[in-house]
Protein backbone atom coordinates (compact mmCIF):
# COMPACT_ATOMS: atom_id res chain seq x y z
CA UNK A 1 0.06 -0.04 -0.03
CA UNK A 2 0.74 3.61 -0.84
CA UNK A 3 -0.63 6.23 0.91
CA UNK A 4 -0.27 9.89 1.24
CA UNK A 5 -2.14 11.33 4.29
CA UNK A 6 -3.95 14.56 4.37
CA UNK A 7 -5.55 14.20 7.68
CA UNK A 8 -3.66 12.45 10.21
CA UNK A 9 -6.29 11.82 12.64
CA UNK A 10 -8.27 10.36 10.79
CA UNK A 11 -5.61 8.35 9.37
CA UNK A 12 -4.79 7.13 12.74
CA UNK A 13 -8.05 5.80 13.38
CA UNK A 14 -7.47 3.71 10.04
CA UNK A 15 -3.75 2.44 11.42
CA UNK A 16 -5.23 1.68 14.78
CA UNK A 17 -8.54 -0.48 13.57
CA UNK A 18 -7.04 -1.56 10.05
CA UNK A 19 -4.25 -3.83 11.58
CA UNK A 20 -6.44 -5.56 14.13
CA UNK A 21 -8.37 -8.25 11.77
CA UNK A 22 -4.92 -8.89 9.96
CA UNK A 23 -4.20 -11.66 12.05
CA UNK A 24 -7.30 -13.44 11.83
CA UNK A 25 -6.73 -13.83 7.88
CA UNK A 26 -3.24 -15.15 8.24
CA UNK A 27 -1.87 -11.24 7.85
CA UNK A 28 0.86 -9.43 9.23
CA UNK A 29 2.68 -6.45 8.29
CA UNK A 30 6.00 -7.31 6.88
CA UNK A 31 7.17 -3.48 6.20
CA UNK A 32 6.31 -0.44 6.99
CA UNK A 33 7.87 3.23 6.66
CA UNK A 34 6.56 6.82 7.15
CA UNK A 35 9.17 8.47 5.08
CA UNK A 36 10.32 5.75 2.67
CA UNK A 37 14.40 6.36 0.87
CA UNK A 38 13.29 6.73 -2.86
CA UNK A 39 15.80 4.90 -5.44
CA UNK A 40 13.98 5.79 -8.09
CA UNK A 41 11.31 7.94 -9.31
CA UNK A 42 8.97 9.71 -6.94
CA UNK A 43 7.37 8.81 -3.76
CA UNK A 44 6.08 11.32 -0.81
CA UNK A 45 3.92 8.47 0.91
CA UNK A 46 3.91 6.22 3.88
CA UNK A 47 4.77 2.70 2.74
CA UNK A 48 3.10 -0.63 4.01
CA UNK A 49 3.83 -4.58 2.73
CA UNK A 50 1.17 -6.73 4.61
CA UNK A 51 1.92 -10.70 3.87
CA UNK A 52 -1.00 -13.45 4.01
CA UNK A 53 -0.26 -17.27 3.86
CA UNK A 54 -2.62 -17.30 0.41
CA UNK A 55 -4.17 -14.50 -1.94
CA UNK A 56 -7.06 -15.79 -0.92
CA UNK A 57 -6.52 -14.95 2.54
CA UNK A 58 -5.66 -11.35 1.31
CA UNK A 59 -8.84 -11.13 -0.82
CA UNK A 60 -11.00 -12.23 2.60
CA UNK A 61 -9.03 -9.29 4.48
CA UNK A 62 -9.62 -6.90 2.40
CA UNK A 63 -13.24 -7.53 1.57
CA UNK A 64 -13.97 -8.63 5.68
CA UNK A 65 -16.09 -6.29 7.41
CA UNK A 66 -13.73 -5.83 10.07
CA UNK A 67 -11.57 -4.21 7.85
CA UNK A 68 -14.05 -2.39 5.46
CA UNK A 69 -15.22 -0.37 8.70
CA UNK A 70 -11.07 0.34 8.91
CA UNK A 71 -10.94 1.49 5.40
CA UNK A 72 -13.65 3.89 5.51
CA UNK A 73 -11.11 5.76 7.44
CA UNK A 74 -8.05 5.65 5.10
CA UNK A 75 -10.17 6.49 2.21
CA UNK A 76 -11.33 9.97 3.30
CA UNK A 77 -7.88 10.61 4.73
CA UNK A 78 -5.30 9.65 2.24
CA UNK A 79 -4.60 9.56 -1.53
CA UNK A 80 -3.88 5.79 -1.45
CA UNK A 81 -3.23 2.82 -3.64
CA UNK A 82 -3.59 -0.54 -2.67
CA UNK A 83 -2.43 -3.61 -4.85
CA UNK A 84 -2.94 -7.68 -3.89
CA UNK A 85 -0.85 -9.85 -5.46
CA UNK A 86 0.41 -13.76 -5.55
CA UNK A 87 3.74 -14.03 -4.41
CA UNK A 88 6.26 -16.70 -5.82
CA UNK A 89 7.32 -19.55 -3.82
CA UNK A 90 11.25 -19.28 -3.97
CA UNK A 91 12.35 -21.88 -6.56
CA UNK A 92 10.13 -19.93 -9.26
CA UNK A 93 12.09 -17.06 -8.84
CA UNK A 94 15.22 -18.16 -10.57
CA UNK A 95 12.81 -19.49 -13.56
CA UNK A 96 11.46 -16.52 -13.80
CA UNK A 97 14.56 -14.24 -14.10
CA UNK A 98 16.02 -17.06 -16.30
CA UNK A 99 13.04 -16.65 -18.53
CA UNK A 100 13.73 -12.68 -18.07
CA UNK A 101 17.42 -13.57 -19.11
CA UNK A 102 18.47 -11.83 -15.65
CA UNK A 103 21.36 -12.60 -13.88
CA UNK A 104 18.92 -13.02 -10.74
CA UNK A 105 21.62 -13.63 -8.30
CA UNK A 106 22.33 -9.78 -8.88
CA UNK A 107 19.18 -9.10 -7.33
CA UNK A 108 19.79 -11.29 -4.01
CA UNK A 109 21.55 -9.98 -1.01
CA UNK A 110 24.72 -11.78 -0.35
CA UNK A 111 23.13 -13.65 2.79
CA UNK A 112 20.17 -14.85 0.46
CA UNK A 113 22.59 -15.74 -2.43
CA UNK A 114 24.15 -17.78 0.57
CA UNK A 115 21.20 -19.97 1.28
CA UNK A 116 19.90 -20.37 -1.94
CA UNK A 117 23.21 -22.22 -2.60
CA UNK A 118 23.09 -24.08 0.27
C-alpha cells in the first residue's frame, strides 16, 4: 500500500483499526515506513507491505467487515493505492529471472545467495 495522508487524526484511526483483523486472516505487516528512501521515481507517501499465506487470505481480509470499516478512514484521509498480488515460491524466482534473461543473483543480497546456494 502506498498512502499519502491529508488528515493525520483520521488516518491514525485507520492505523489502529486496520491492523487488528489481519491476524484473523493469516496476515501480518512485514514492512512499514512513514518516510521511505526513494531510489527511483517519486514517493511522498507512507509505504506498507502486508504478507498473507495466500492471495485468497488477502482478499478475504480486504473484504472483511472489520477491514471494510477501517478502510473508510483511509479512503477519506488519504490518497492511496492498494495492490493485492500473489507471491512466488522461492524456487520459481530463479525460473522467472532466467526467462527474463536476468542474472537473478545480482538482485539478491549476499545472505540470500548463501541460502539459495546451500
